[in-house]
């Protein structure tokens, strides 16, 4: 099984404005502290052991959206782009 890559996650967080890719919330602006989580767009359990995690494999999400994504993945077996579309639609409506 492939493993998480903390170096890539740290680099991604370091070059980001800590804005959630789904709700566009900037946690630091709203709450006064930085908080952004890295989500694997494709579950790491599906990777081969040779897969090297890249920036494109990850999405930066606020804690609420990250949890919602995992609920959608588990409950409806949707992939990340489908989940994003649904969540963004719910936020707009």
Protein backbone atom coordinates (compact mmCIF):
# COMPACT_ATOMS: atom_id res chain seq x y z
CA UNK A 1 0.00 0.00 0.00
CA UNK A 2 1.19 3.51 -0.77
CA UNK A 3 1.92 5.82 2.13
CA UNK A 4 1.16 9.43 2.91
CA UNK A 5 3.87 11.90 1.99
CA UNK A 6 4.18 14.54 4.72
CA UNK A 7 6.83 16.46 2.76
CA UNK A 8 4.51 16.99 -0.23
CA UNK A 9 1.62 17.94 2.08
CA UNK A 10 3.83 20.44 3.92
CA UNK A 11 5.07 21.96 0.67
CA UNK A 12 1.53 22.24 -0.70
CA UNK A 13 0.26 23.91 2.46
CA UNK A 14 3.27 26.25 2.47
CA UNK A 15 2.63 27.56 -1.01
CA UNK A 16 -1.13 27.95 -0.55
CA UNK A 17 -3.26 30.75 0.83
CA UNK A 18 -5.01 28.15 3.00
CA UNK A 19 -8.24 28.52 1.07
CA UNK A 20 -10.62 25.56 0.92
CA UNK A 21 -10.98 24.28 -2.65
CA UNK A 22 -14.70 23.61 -2.14
CA UNK A 23 -16.23 26.42 -0.04
CA UNK A 24 -13.41 28.94 -0.71
CA UNK A 25 -13.37 29.76 3.00
CA UNK A 26 -10.13 31.16 4.35
CA UNK A 27 -9.98 29.70 7.82
CA UNK A 28 -7.41 32.23 9.06
CA UNK A 29 -9.58 35.16 7.99
CA UNK A 30 -12.70 33.79 9.63
CA UNK A 31 -11.21 32.30 12.82
CA UNK A 32 -7.83 34.00 13.18
CA UNK A 33 -5.83 30.75 12.97
CA UNK A 34 -4.53 28.69 10.06
CA UNK A 35 -6.25 25.36 9.52
CA UNK A 36 -6.27 23.55 6.21
CA UNK A 37 -6.24 19.81 5.60
CA UNK A 38 -4.84 17.80 2.71
CA UNK A 39 -7.25 15.33 1.14
CA UNK A 40 -6.17 12.59 -1.27
CA UNK A 41 -8.46 12.96 -4.29
CA UNK A 42 -8.04 9.25 -4.98
CA UNK A 43 -7.95 7.06 -1.86
CA UNK A 44 -4.38 6.06 -1.08
CA UNK A 45 -5.56 2.49 -0.56
CA UNK A 46 -6.06 2.27 -4.34
CA UNK A 47 -2.49 3.29 -5.22
CA UNK A 48 0.21 0.81 -6.05
CA UNK A 49 3.24 0.80 -3.78
CA UNK A 50 5.24 2.56 -6.51
CA UNK A 51 2.94 5.59 -6.68
CA UNK A 52 4.72 8.80 -5.75
CA UNK A 53 2.26 11.34 -4.35
CA UNK A 54 2.21 14.59 -6.33
CA UNK A 55 0.64 17.97 -5.64
CA UNK A 56 -2.12 17.15 -8.15
CA UNK A 57 -3.15 14.14 -6.03
CA UNK A 58 -4.15 16.38 -3.13
CA UNK A 59 -6.86 18.93 -2.40
CA UNK A 60 -6.66 21.49 0.38
CA UNK A 61 -9.93 21.54 2.32
CA UNK A 62 -11.29 23.15 5.45
CA UNK A 63 -12.17 20.65 8.21
CA UNK A 64 -15.91 20.81 7.46
CA UNK A 65 -15.58 20.18 3.73
CA UNK A 66 -12.96 17.47 4.34
CA UNK A 67 -15.34 15.61 6.63
CA UNK A 68 -18.22 16.03 4.18
CA UNK A 69 -16.08 14.63 1.34
CA UNK A 70 -15.31 11.52 3.39
CA UNK A 71 -18.98 11.05 4.23
CA UNK A 72 -19.92 11.29 0.54
CA UNK A 73 -17.14 8.85 -0.39
CA UNK A 74 -18.25 6.31 2.19
CA UNK A 75 -22.01 6.66 1.89
CA UNK A 76 -22.41 7.05 -1.87
CA UNK A 77 -19.07 5.81 -3.26
CA UNK A 78 -18.60 8.96 -5.33
CA UNK A 79 -15.26 10.16 -6.66
CA UNK A 80 -13.76 13.51 -5.71
CA UNK A 81 -14.89 15.56 -8.75
CA UNK A 82 -18.50 14.36 -8.32
CA UNK A 83 -18.43 15.21 -4.63
CA UNK A 84 -17.01 18.67 -5.31
CA UNK A 85 -19.72 19.36 -7.84
CA UNK A 86 -22.45 18.35 -5.38
CA UNK A 87 -21.00 20.29 -2.46
CA UNK A 88 -20.35 23.44 -4.48
CA UNK A 89 -23.93 23.18 -5.81
CA UNK A 90 -25.27 22.93 -2.26
CA UNK A 91 -23.24 25.94 -1.18
CA UNK A 92 -24.53 28.00 -4.13
CA UNK A 93 -28.15 27.02 -3.59
